[in-house]
Amino acid sequence: MEKVRIAILCSGGGTNFQAVCNAQEAGLLPDGEVVLLICDHAGAFVLKRAERMGIPAVVIDRREMKDRAAREQKIIGTLKEYRVGLVVLAGFMSILSPAFVKEYENRILNIHPALLPAFGGEGFYGLHVHEAVLKAGVKVTGATVHYVTAACDGGPIIAQKAVEVKEGDTPETLQKRVMREAEWVIFPEAIQTVCKKIRGEK
């Protein structure tokens, strides 16, 4: 039976894209295969990573294609062209419409750099999350992999991993630790879990 074909959607540097590809190369994604990168920013560093890994990349630039519905239609068309069975958001800065989410119901995963439901929802992305965590004075943060639904950061949780907040942390140091200790660990694992589930349903 064919592996689940995975597309990763990314807007920036692509550290989580790299982590998933590394896991695949190490044989940790036996039920899935990354077949496509879709990027909504023409200058993003993730495109260089995809080139190095030999993974096809398609740019659908949100600055050039400002209409979200048209942009999403182009993304969906590309996903269908590559016969994608699982969509993975790895630092994808465009919020997806309910119509897009319905098209790939229970087939879209996202990683969030906090322990949802804490520090999630509208406006909580990137360094903003870690700034909020430090401001709140909590001792533990982490990362969450969840299914994407119409509610921002509100979908069912697949995996979480806690990370200690240390004395003297800055948003930048905390971001790096959460990536290393949580995101890069649980993201490939969660993708494999879901791919195995999808293959079992066939």
N, C-alpha and C. Protein backbone atom coordinates (compact mmCIF):
# COMPACT_ATOMS: atom_id res chain seq x y z
N MET A 1 0.84 -1.20 0.00
CA MET A 1 0.00 0.00 0.00
C MET A 1 0.88 1.25 0.00
N GLU A 2 0.48 2.22 -0.82
CA GLU A 2 1.29 3.45 -0.93
C GLU A 2 1.33 4.21 0.39
N LYS A 3 2.47 4.83 0.65
CA LYS A 3 2.58 5.68 1.84
C LYS A 3 1.67 6.89 1.67
N VAL A 4 1.32 7.51 2.81
CA VAL A 4 0.51 8.73 2.76
C VAL A 4 1.39 9.86 2.22
N ARG A 5 0.89 10.53 1.18
CA ARG A 5 1.65 11.61 0.55
C ARG A 5 1.43 12.91 1.32
N ILE A 6 2.53 13.49 1.79
CA ILE A 6 2.47 14.65 2.70
C ILE A 6 2.92 15.92 1.98
N ALA A 7 2.15 16.99 2.16
CA ALA A 7 2.59 18.33 1.72
C ALA A 7 2.83 19.16 2.97
N ILE A 8 3.95 19.86 2.99
CA ILE A 8 4.24 20.78 4.10
C ILE A 8 4.05 22.21 3.61
N LEU A 9 3.25 22.99 4.35
CA LEU A 9 3.03 24.40 4.03
C LEU A 9 3.83 25.25 5.00
N CYS A 10 4.63 26.16 4.47
CA CYS A 10 5.56 26.91 5.32
C CYS A 10 5.74 28.32 4.77
N SER A 11 6.01 29.27 5.67
CA SER A 11 6.18 30.66 5.24
C SER A 11 7.58 31.22 5.45
N GLY A 12 8.39 30.53 6.28
CA GLY A 12 9.65 31.17 6.70
C GLY A 12 10.89 30.31 6.58
N GLY A 13 11.59 30.17 7.71
CA GLY A 13 12.90 29.50 7.72
C GLY A 13 12.84 28.00 7.51
N GLY A 14 11.75 27.39 8.01
CA GLY A 14 11.56 25.97 7.75
C GLY A 14 12.30 25.03 8.68
N THR A 15 12.48 25.41 9.95
CA THR A 15 13.19 24.50 10.88
C THR A 15 12.35 23.24 11.12
N ASN A 16 11.03 23.38 11.23
CA ASN A 16 10.19 22.19 11.43
C ASN A 16 10.09 21.36 10.15
N PHE A 17 10.09 22.02 9.00
CA PHE A 17 10.15 21.31 7.72
C PHE A 17 11.40 20.42 7.70
N GLN A 18 12.53 21.00 8.12
CA GLN A 18 13.80 20.27 8.16
C GLN A 18 13.73 19.09 9.12
N ALA A 19 13.11 19.32 10.29
CA ALA A 19 13.00 18.26 11.31
C ALA A 19 12.20 17.08 10.77
N VAL A 20 11.12 17.37 10.03
CA VAL A 20 10.29 16.30 9.47
C VAL A 20 11.06 15.55 8.38
N CYS A 21 11.75 16.30 7.53
CA CYS A 21 12.55 15.66 6.46
C CYS A 21 13.68 14.82 7.04
N ASN A 22 14.32 15.32 8.10
CA ASN A 22 15.39 14.55 8.76
C ASN A 22 14.84 13.25 9.33
N ALA A 23 13.65 13.33 9.93
CA ALA A 23 13.02 12.14 10.51
C ALA A 23 12.72 11.13 9.40
N GLN A 24 12.27 11.64 8.26
CA GLN A 24 11.98 10.77 7.12
C GLN A 24 13.25 10.06 6.65
N GLU A 25 14.34 10.82 6.54
CA GLU A 25 15.61 10.24 6.10
C GLU A 25 16.12 9.19 7.08
N ALA A 26 15.78 9.39 8.36
CA ALA A 26 16.22 8.44 9.40
C ALA A 26 15.30 7.24 9.52
N GLY A 27 14.28 7.17 8.64
CA GLY A 27 13.36 6.02 8.66
C GLY A 27 12.28 6.10 9.72
N LEU A 28 12.05 7.31 10.26
CA LEU A 28 11.07 7.46 11.35
C LEU A 28 9.67 7.80 10.85
N LEU A 29 9.50 7.83 9.53
CA LEU A 29 8.17 8.10 8.93
C LEU A 29 7.79 6.94 8.00
N PRO A 30 7.70 5.73 8.54
CA PRO A 30 7.47 4.58 7.65
C PRO A 30 6.14 4.61 6.90
N ASP A 31 5.15 5.35 7.44
CA ASP A 31 3.83 5.36 6.81
C ASP A 31 3.55 6.61 5.99
N GLY A 32 4.51 7.54 5.94
CA GLY A 32 4.30 8.78 5.20
C GLY A 32 5.51 9.17 4.39
N GLU A 33 5.28 10.07 3.44
CA GLU A 33 6.38 10.54 2.60
C GLU A 33 6.12 12.01 2.21
N VAL A 34 7.09 12.87 2.49
CA VAL A 34 6.97 14.29 2.11
C VAL A 34 7.21 14.40 0.61
N VAL A 35 6.17 14.83 -0.12
CA VAL A 35 6.28 14.89 -1.58
C VAL A 35 6.23 16.32 -2.11
N LEU A 36 5.96 17.31 -1.21
CA LEU A 36 5.74 18.67 -1.68
C LEU A 36 5.91 19.70 -0.57
N LEU A 37 6.51 20.83 -0.93
CA LEU A 37 6.52 22.01 -0.08
C LEU A 37 5.71 23.09 -0.80
N ILE A 38 4.77 23.72 -0.08
CA ILE A 38 4.09 24.90 -0.61
C ILE A 38 4.47 26.08 0.28
N CYS A 39 4.97 27.12 -0.33
CA CYS A 39 5.44 28.30 0.41
C CYS A 39 4.69 29.54 -0.08
N ASP A 40 4.25 30.39 0.86
CA ASP A 40 3.51 31.59 0.46
C ASP A 40 4.37 32.86 0.49
N HIS A 41 5.69 32.65 0.49
CA HIS A 41 6.62 33.78 0.54
C HIS A 41 7.83 33.46 -0.35
N ALA A 42 7.95 34.19 -1.45
CA ALA A 42 8.97 33.86 -2.46
C ALA A 42 10.41 33.88 -1.94
N GLY A 43 10.69 34.68 -0.91
CA GLY A 43 12.07 34.78 -0.42
C GLY A 43 12.39 33.91 0.77
N ALA A 44 11.50 33.01 1.13
CA ALA A 44 11.66 32.22 2.36
C ALA A 44 12.82 31.23 2.26
N PHE A 45 13.55 31.09 3.36
CA PHE A 45 14.72 30.20 3.40
C PHE A 45 14.34 28.74 3.24
N VAL A 46 13.09 28.41 3.61
CA VAL A 46 12.65 27.02 3.50
C VAL A 46 12.78 26.50 2.06
N LEU A 47 12.69 27.39 1.08
CA LEU A 47 12.82 26.97 -0.33
C LEU A 47 14.21 26.40 -0.61
N LYS A 48 15.22 26.98 0.04
CA LYS A 48 16.59 26.45 -0.11
C LYS A 48 16.70 25.07 0.54
N ARG A 49 16.04 24.92 1.69
CA ARG A 49 16.05 23.61 2.36
C ARG A 49 15.42 22.54 1.46
N ALA A 50 14.29 22.88 0.85
CA ALA A 50 13.58 21.92 -0.01
C ALA A 50 14.46 21.52 -1.20
N GLU A 51 15.14 22.51 -1.74
CA GLU A 51 16.04 22.26 -2.88
C GLU A 51 17.14 21.28 -2.48
N ARG A 52 17.73 21.53 -1.29
CA ARG A 52 18.79 20.65 -0.78
C ARG A 52 18.28 19.23 -0.55
N MET A 53 17.01 19.11 -0.10
CA MET A 53 16.45 17.80 0.22
C MET A 53 15.85 17.12 -1.02
N GLY A 54 15.84 17.84 -2.14
CA GLY A 54 15.27 17.27 -3.37
C GLY A 54 13.76 17.13 -3.34
N ILE A 55 13.10 18.02 -2.59
CA ILE A 55 11.63 17.97 -2.49
C ILE A 55 11.03 19.08 -3.36
N PRO A 56 10.09 18.75 -4.25
CA PRO A 56 9.47 19.77 -5.11
C PRO A 56 8.85 20.89 -4.28
N ALA A 57 9.05 22.13 -4.73
CA ALA A 57 8.50 23.29 -4.02
C ALA A 57 7.68 24.15 -4.97
N VAL A 58 6.53 24.60 -4.48
CA VAL A 58 5.67 25.50 -5.25
C VAL A 58 5.46 26.77 -4.43
N VAL A 59 5.70 27.91 -5.05
CA VAL A 59 5.49 29.21 -4.38
C VAL A 59 4.16 29.79 -4.83
N ILE A 60 3.31 30.06 -3.85
CA ILE A 60 2.04 30.75 -4.10
C ILE A 60 2.07 31.98 -3.20
N ASP A 61 2.67 33.05 -3.71
CA ASP A 61 3.03 34.22 -2.90
C ASP A 61 1.79 35.04 -2.54
N ARG A 62 1.62 35.23 -1.22
CA ARG A 62 0.41 35.96 -0.78
C ARG A 62 0.48 37.45 -1.09
N ARG A 63 1.69 37.96 -1.35
CA ARG A 63 1.79 39.39 -1.70
C ARG A 63 1.37 39.62 -3.15
N GLU A 64 1.61 38.60 -3.98
CA GLU A 64 1.21 38.72 -5.39
C GLU A 64 -0.25 38.32 -5.58
N MET A 65 -0.67 37.30 -4.85
CA MET A 65 -2.05 36.83 -4.96
C MET A 65 -2.77 37.20 -3.66
N LYS A 66 -3.30 38.40 -3.62
CA LYS A 66 -3.84 38.94 -2.37
C LYS A 66 -5.21 38.34 -2.00
N ASP A 67 -5.95 37.86 -2.98
CA ASP A 67 -7.28 37.30 -2.73
C ASP A 67 -7.14 35.90 -2.12
N ARG A 68 -7.60 35.76 -0.86
CA ARG A 68 -7.39 34.50 -0.15
C ARG A 68 -8.09 33.33 -0.84
N ALA A 69 -9.31 33.54 -1.30
CA ALA A 69 -10.06 32.45 -1.94
C ALA A 69 -9.33 31.93 -3.17
N ALA A 70 -8.81 32.86 -3.98
CA ALA A 70 -8.07 32.46 -5.19
C ALA A 70 -6.79 31.72 -4.81
N ARG A 71 -6.13 32.23 -3.76
CA ARG A 71 -4.87 31.61 -3.30
C ARG A 71 -5.14 30.18 -2.80
N GLU A 72 -6.20 30.04 -2.03
CA GLU A 72 -6.53 28.71 -1.49
C GLU A 72 -6.92 27.74 -2.60
N GLN A 73 -7.63 28.23 -3.60
CA GLN A 73 -8.00 27.37 -4.73
C GLN A 73 -6.75 26.86 -5.45
N LYS A 74 -5.76 27.75 -5.55
CA LYS A 74 -4.50 27.36 -6.20
C LYS A 74 -3.76 26.33 -5.34
N ILE A 75 -3.78 26.52 -4.02
CA ILE A 75 -3.14 25.56 -3.12
C ILE A 75 -3.85 24.20 -3.23
N ILE A 76 -5.18 24.21 -3.18
CA ILE A 76 -5.95 22.96 -3.28
C ILE A 76 -5.67 22.25 -4.60
N GLY A 77 -5.62 23.03 -5.69
CA GLY A 77 -5.32 22.46 -7.00
C GLY A 77 -3.96 21.78 -7.03
N THR A 78 -2.98 22.43 -6.37
CA THR A 78 -1.62 21.87 -6.30
C THR A 78 -1.60 20.60 -5.45
N LEU A 79 -2.31 20.61 -4.33
CA LEU A 79 -2.38 19.43 -3.46
C LEU A 79 -2.99 18.24 -4.21
N LYS A 80 -4.02 18.51 -4.98
CA LYS A 80 -4.67 17.43 -5.73
C LYS A 80 -3.74 16.89 -6.84
N GLU A 81 -3.03 17.83 -7.46
CA GLU A 81 -2.08 17.44 -8.53
C GLU A 81 -1.04 16.46 -7.99
N TYR A 82 -0.60 16.69 -6.74
CA TYR A 82 0.42 15.83 -6.12
C TYR A 82 -0.20 14.69 -5.31
N ARG A 83 -1.54 14.54 -5.40
CA ARG A 83 -2.26 13.46 -4.70
C ARG A 83 -1.92 13.42 -3.21
N VAL A 84 -2.00 14.57 -2.59
CA VAL A 84 -1.61 14.71 -1.17
C VAL A 84 -2.73 14.19 -0.26
N GLY A 85 -2.32 13.37 0.71
CA GLY A 85 -3.28 12.80 1.66
C GLY A 85 -3.22 13.44 3.03
N LEU A 86 -2.14 14.18 3.32
CA LEU A 86 -2.00 14.85 4.62
C LEU A 86 -1.31 16.20 4.41
N VAL A 87 -1.92 17.25 4.97
CA VAL A 87 -1.37 18.61 4.87
C VAL A 87 -0.80 18.98 6.23
N VAL A 88 0.46 19.41 6.24
CA VAL A 88 1.15 19.73 7.49
C VAL A 88 1.56 21.20 7.47
N LEU A 89 1.09 21.95 8.47
CA LEU A 89 1.44 23.37 8.58
C LEU A 89 2.65 23.52 9.49
N ALA A 90 3.73 24.05 8.94
CA ALA A 90 4.97 24.19 9.72
C ALA A 90 5.40 25.66 9.65
N GLY A 91 4.80 26.48 10.50
CA GLY A 91 5.10 27.92 10.45
C GLY A 91 4.48 28.55 9.21
N PHE A 92 3.22 28.17 8.94
CA PHE A 92 2.49 28.73 7.79
C PHE A 92 1.67 29.90 8.30
N MET A 93 1.98 31.10 7.81
CA MET A 93 1.43 32.32 8.41
C MET A 93 0.08 32.76 7.84
N SER A 94 -0.45 32.02 6.88
CA SER A 94 -1.79 32.35 6.37
C SER A 94 -2.83 31.51 7.11
N ILE A 95 -3.84 32.19 7.66
CA ILE A 95 -4.93 31.46 8.32
C ILE A 95 -5.81 30.84 7.22
N LEU A 96 -6.10 29.56 7.36
CA LEU A 96 -6.89 28.86 6.35
C LEU A 96 -8.39 29.05 6.60
N SER A 97 -9.15 29.18 5.53
CA SER A 97 -10.59 29.40 5.65
C SER A 97 -11.30 28.11 6.06
N PRO A 98 -12.51 28.23 6.65
CA PRO A 98 -13.28 27.04 6.99
C PRO A 98 -13.52 26.14 5.77
N ALA A 99 -13.68 26.72 4.59
CA ALA A 99 -13.90 25.94 3.37
C ALA A 99 -12.69 25.07 3.05
N PHE A 100 -11.48 25.63 3.22
CA PHE A 100 -10.24 24.86 2.97
C PHE A 100 -10.16 23.71 3.98
N VAL A 101 -10.41 24.05 5.25
CA VAL A 101 -10.31 23.05 6.32
C VAL A 101 -11.29 21.90 6.06
N LYS A 102 -12.48 22.23 5.59
CA LYS A 102 -13.50 21.20 5.30
C LYS A 102 -13.04 20.28 4.17
N GLU A 103 -12.35 20.87 3.19
CA GLU A 103 -11.85 20.09 2.04
C GLU A 103 -10.88 19.00 2.50
N TYR A 104 -10.11 19.29 3.56
CA TYR A 104 -9.13 18.32 4.07
C TYR A 104 -9.40 18.02 5.55
N GLU A 105 -10.65 17.76 5.86
CA GLU A 105 -11.05 17.49 7.24
C GLU A 105 -10.28 16.31 7.83
N ASN A 106 -9.76 16.52 9.04
CA ASN A 106 -8.94 15.49 9.73
C ASN A 106 -7.70 15.09 8.92
N ARG A 107 -7.29 15.98 8.01
CA ARG A 107 -6.10 15.72 7.19
C ARG A 107 -5.14 16.92 7.22
N ILE A 108 -5.33 17.82 8.20
CA ILE A 108 -4.43 18.98 8.33
C ILE A 108 -3.91 19.01 9.77
N LEU A 109 -2.58 19.05 9.90
CA LEU A 109 -1.94 19.15 11.21
C LEU A 109 -1.20 20.47 11.34
N ASN A 110 -1.12 20.96 12.57
CA ASN A 110 -0.35 22.18 12.84
C ASN A 110 0.47 21.97 14.09
N ILE A 111 1.60 22.67 14.16
CA ILE A 111 2.39 22.67 15.40
C ILE A 111 2.33 24.07 15.99
N HIS A 112 2.12 24.12 17.32
CA HIS A 112 2.01 25.40 18.02
C HIS A 112 3.03 25.42 19.16
N PRO A 113 3.78 26.54 19.31
CA PRO A 113 4.87 26.57 20.30
C PRO A 113 4.44 26.91 21.73
N ALA A 114 3.40 26.23 22.20
CA ALA A 114 2.95 26.37 23.60
C ALA A 114 2.08 25.15 23.91
N LEU A 115 1.70 25.03 25.18
CA LEU A 115 0.84 23.91 25.59
C LEU A 115 -0.61 24.36 25.49
N LEU A 116 -1.20 24.14 24.34
CA LEU A 116 -2.61 24.53 24.14
C LEU A 116 -3.50 23.82 25.17
N PRO A 117 -4.60 24.44 25.63
CA PRO A 117 -5.18 25.68 25.11
C PRO A 117 -4.52 26.97 25.60
N ALA A 118 -3.50 26.87 26.47
CA ALA A 118 -2.83 28.09 26.94
C ALA A 118 -2.05 28.75 25.79
N PHE A 119 -2.06 30.07 25.74
CA PHE A 119 -1.27 30.86 24.78
C PHE A 119 -1.55 30.45 23.32
N GLY A 120 -2.82 30.30 23.02
CA GLY A 120 -3.21 29.97 21.65
C GLY A 120 -4.28 30.93 21.16
N GLY A 121 -4.63 30.77 19.89
CA GLY A 121 -5.68 31.60 19.30
C GLY A 121 -5.12 32.76 18.51
N GLU A 122 -6.00 33.67 18.15
CA GLU A 122 -5.68 34.81 17.30
C GLU A 122 -4.51 35.62 17.87
N GLY A 123 -3.50 35.89 17.06
CA GLY A 123 -2.38 36.74 17.47
C GLY A 123 -1.24 36.00 18.17
N PHE A 124 -1.49 34.74 18.56
CA PHE A 124 -0.43 33.96 19.23
C PHE A 124 0.33 33.13 18.20
N TYR A 125 1.42 33.69 17.71
CA TYR A 125 2.27 32.95 16.76
C TYR A 125 3.71 33.44 16.93
N GLY A 126 4.66 32.58 16.53
CA GLY A 126 6.08 32.95 16.58
C GLY A 126 6.52 33.44 17.95
N LEU A 127 7.32 34.47 17.94
CA LEU A 127 7.88 35.01 19.20
C LEU A 127 6.81 35.58 20.13
N HIS A 128 5.66 35.98 19.57
CA HIS A 128 4.58 36.54 20.41
C HIS A 128 4.17 35.53 21.48
N VAL A 129 4.18 34.26 21.13
CA VAL A 129 3.80 33.21 22.09
C VAL A 129 4.77 33.20 23.25
N HIS A 130 6.06 33.20 22.94
CA HIS A 130 7.10 33.11 23.99
C HIS A 130 7.14 34.39 24.83
N GLU A 131 6.87 35.52 24.22
CA GLU A 131 6.77 36.78 24.98
C GLU A 131 5.63 36.69 25.99
N ALA A 132 4.50 36.16 25.56
CA ALA A 132 3.33 36.02 26.44
C ALA A 132 3.60 35.04 27.58
N VAL A 133 4.30 33.95 27.26
CA VAL A 133 4.64 32.94 28.28
C VAL A 133 5.51 33.57 29.36
N LEU A 134 6.53 34.33 28.96
CA LEU A 134 7.44 34.97 29.93
C LEU A 134 6.71 36.03 30.74
N LYS A 135 5.86 36.77 30.10
CA LYS A 135 5.09 37.82 30.77
C LYS A 135 4.16 37.23 31.83
N ALA A 136 3.62 36.05 31.52
CA ALA A 136 2.69 35.39 32.46
C ALA A 136 3.42 34.77 33.65
N GLY A 137 4.74 34.56 33.50
CA GLY A 137 5.53 34.03 34.61
C GLY A 137 5.35 32.54 34.88
N VAL A 138 4.87 31.81 33.88
CA VAL A 138 4.69 30.36 34.09
C VAL A 138 6.05 29.65 34.10
N LYS A 139 6.08 28.50 34.73
CA LYS A 139 7.36 27.76 34.87
C LYS A 139 7.54 26.71 33.78
N VAL A 140 6.44 26.36 33.12
CA VAL A 140 6.50 25.31 32.10
C VAL A 140 5.75 25.77 30.85
N THR A 141 6.37 25.55 29.70
CA THR A 141 5.71 25.78 28.42
C THR A 141 5.92 24.52 27.59
N GLY A 142 5.92 24.62 26.28
CA GLY A 142 6.14 23.43 25.47
C GLY A 142 5.61 23.60 24.07
N ALA A 143 5.19 22.50 23.46
CA ALA A 143 4.67 22.54 22.10
C ALA A 143 3.50 21.56 21.97
N THR A 144 2.64 21.85 21.01
CA THR A 144 1.44 21.05 20.78
C THR A 144 1.28 20.77 19.29
N VAL A 145 1.00 19.52 18.93
CA VAL A 145 0.59 19.20 17.57
C VAL A 145 -0.90 18.91 17.62
N HIS A 146 -1.67 19.55 16.73
CA HIS A 146 -3.12 19.37 16.77
C HIS A 146 -3.70 19.34 15.36
N TYR A 147 -4.90 18.77 15.25
CA TYR A 147 -5.64 18.84 14.01
C TYR A 147 -6.12 20.27 13.80
N VAL A 148 -6.14 20.71 12.55
CA VAL A 148 -6.63 22.06 12.25
C VAL A 148 -8.13 22.00 11.99
N THR A 149 -8.85 22.86 12.71
CA THR A 149 -10.29 23.03 12.49
C THR A 149 -10.54 24.50 12.19
N ALA A 150 -11.81 24.86 12.03
CA ALA A 150 -12.15 26.26 11.73
C ALA A 150 -11.79 27.18 12.90
N ALA A 151 -11.70 26.64 14.12
CA ALA A 151 -11.33 27.45 15.29
C ALA A 151 -9.81 27.54 15.37
N CYS A 152 -9.28 28.76 15.40
CA CYS A 152 -7.82 28.98 15.43
C CYS A 152 -7.19 28.30 16.66
N ASP A 153 -6.28 27.36 16.43
CA ASP A 153 -5.60 26.60 17.49
C ASP A 153 -6.57 25.79 18.35
N GLY A 154 -7.77 25.51 17.83
CA GLY A 154 -8.79 24.86 18.65
C GLY A 154 -9.05 23.41 18.33
N GLY A 155 -8.32 22.82 17.39
CA GLY A 155 -8.58 21.44 16.98
C GLY A 155 -8.09 20.41 17.98
N PRO A 156 -8.55 19.16 17.85
CA PRO A 156 -8.14 18.10 18.77
C PRO A 156 -6.62 17.94 18.83
N ILE A 157 -6.12 17.74 20.05
CA ILE A 157 -4.67 17.64 20.28
C ILE A 157 -4.20 16.21 20.02
N ILE A 158 -3.08 16.11 19.30
CA ILE A 158 -2.49 14.80 18.97
C ILE A 158 -1.31 14.50 19.90
N ALA A 159 -0.48 15.52 20.15
CA ALA A 159 0.71 15.30 20.99
C ALA A 159 1.12 16.62 21.66
N GLN A 160 1.66 16.49 22.86
CA GLN A 160 2.21 17.66 23.56
C GLN A 160 3.49 17.25 24.28
N LYS A 161 4.38 18.21 24.44
CA LYS A 161 5.61 17.96 25.22
C LYS A 161 5.95 19.22 25.99
N ALA A 162 6.19 19.05 27.27
CA ALA A 162 6.49 20.18 28.15
C ALA A 162 7.98 20.54 28.11
N VAL A 163 8.25 21.83 28.29
CA VAL A 163 9.63 22.36 28.33
C VAL A 163 9.71 23.35 29.48
N GLU A 164 10.80 23.25 30.23
CA GLU A 164 10.99 24.14 31.38
C GLU A 164 11.30 25.58 30.93
N VAL A 165 10.68 26.54 31.61
CA VAL A 165 11.05 27.95 31.42
C VAL A 165 12.13 28.26 32.45
N LYS A 166 13.27 28.75 31.98
CA LYS A 166 14.40 28.96 32.89
C LYS A 166 14.57 30.43 33.27
N GLU A 167 15.17 30.62 34.43
CA GLU A 167 15.50 31.97 34.91
C GLU A 167 16.34 32.68 33.86
N GLY A 168 15.99 33.92 33.56
CA GLY A 168 16.80 34.70 32.61
C GLY A 168 16.47 34.43 31.15
N ASP A 169 15.46 33.60 30.89
CA ASP A 169 15.06 33.33 29.50
C ASP A 169 14.60 34.61 28.80
N THR A 170 14.93 34.71 27.52
CA THR A 170 14.37 35.75 26.65
C THR A 170 13.42 35.01 25.69
N PRO A 171 12.56 35.74 25.00
CA PRO A 171 11.70 35.06 24.02
C PRO A 171 12.52 34.23 23.03
N GLU A 172 13.69 34.75 22.66
CA GLU A 172 14.53 34.05 21.67
C GLU A 172 15.13 32.75 22.23
N THR A 173 15.65 32.81 23.47
CA THR A 173 16.25 31.59 24.05
C THR A 173 15.17 30.54 24.30
N LEU A 174 14.00 31.00 24.74
CA LEU A 174 12.89 30.08 25.00
C LEU A 174 12.40 29.45 23.70
N GLN A 175 12.32 30.26 22.66
CA GLN A 175 11.89 29.75 21.35
C GLN A 175 12.81 28.62 20.89
N LYS A 176 14.12 28.83 21.02
CA LYS A 176 15.10 27.82 20.58
C LYS A 176 14.96 26.54 21.39
N ARG A 177 14.78 26.68 22.72
CA ARG A 177 14.67 25.48 23.57
C ARG A 177 13.39 24.70 23.26
N VAL A 178 12.29 25.41 23.05
CA VAL A 178 11.01 24.74 22.73
C VAL A 178 11.13 24.00 21.40
N MET A 179 11.81 24.62 20.43
CA MET A 179 12.03 23.94 19.14
C MET A 179 12.83 22.66 19.34
N ARG A 180 13.99 22.80 19.99
CA ARG A 180 14.91 21.66 20.13
C ARG A 180 14.31 20.53 20.96
N GLU A 181 13.72 20.90 22.11
CA GLU A 181 13.29 19.88 23.08
C GLU A 181 11.88 19.35 22.83
N ALA A 182 11.06 20.13 22.12
CA ALA A 182 9.66 19.70 21.94
C ALA A 182 9.25 19.62 20.47
N GLU A 183 9.29 20.74 19.75
CA GLU A 183 8.75 20.76 18.39
C GLU A 183 9.39 19.72 17.48
N TRP A 184 10.71 19.72 17.43
CA TRP A 184 11.41 18.83 16.50
C TRP A 184 11.27 17.36 16.89
N VAL A 185 10.85 17.11 18.14
CA VAL A 185 10.67 15.74 18.63
C VAL A 185 9.25 15.25 18.32
N ILE A 186 8.25 16.02 18.74
CA ILE A 186 6.87 15.51 18.65
C ILE A 186 6.24 15.69 17.28
N PHE A 187 6.75 16.64 16.47
CA PHE A 187 6.11 16.87 15.17
C PHE A 187 6.24 15.65 14.25
N PRO A 188 7.46 15.15 14.02
CA PRO A 188 7.58 13.94 13.19
C PRO A 188 6.82 12.75 13.77
N GLU A 189 6.85 12.60 15.11
CA GLU A 189 6.14 11.48 15.75
C GLU A 189 4.64 11.56 15.50
N ALA A 190 4.08 12.77 15.64
CA ALA A 190 2.64 12.95 15.45
C ALA A 190 2.24 12.72 13.99
N ILE A 191 3.09 13.17 13.07
CA ILE A 191 2.82 12.97 11.64
C ILE A 191 2.80 11.47 11.34
N GLN A 192 3.75 10.73 11.89
CA GLN A 192 3.79 9.28 11.69
C GLN A 192 2.53 8.63 12.27
N THR A 193 2.12 9.05 13.46
CA THR A 193 0.91 8.50 14.11
C THR A 193 -0.31 8.67 13.21
N VAL A 194 -0.46 9.87 12.66
CA VAL A 194 -1.63 10.17 11.82
C VAL A 194 -1.55 9.42 10.48
N CYS A 195 -0.35 9.35 9.90
CA CYS A 195 -0.18 8.61 8.63
C CYS A 195 -0.54 7.14 8.82
N LYS A 196 -0.12 6.57 9.93
CA LYS A 196 -0.44 5.16 10.23
C LYS A 196 -1.95 4.98 10.34
N LYS A 197 -2.60 5.94 11.00
CA LYS A 197 -4.06 5.90 11.17
C LYS A 197 -4.76 5.99 9.81
N ILE A 198 -4.29 6.90 8.95
CA ILE A 198 -4.89 7.08 7.62
C ILE A 198 -4.75 5.79 6.81
N ARG A 199 -3.57 5.20 6.86
CA ARG A 199 -3.35 3.95 6.09
C ARG A 199 -4.24 2.82 6.63
N GLY A 200 -4.45 2.82 7.94
CA GLY A 200 -5.31 1.79 8.55
C GLY A 200 -6.76 1.92 8.14
N GLU A 201 -7.17 3.15 7.77
CA GLU A 201 -8.57 3.39 7.37
C GLU A 201 -8.84 2.97 5.94
N LYS A 202 -7.76 2.81 5.16
CA LYS A 202 -7.95 2.50 3.72
C LYS A 202 -8.38 1.06 3.50
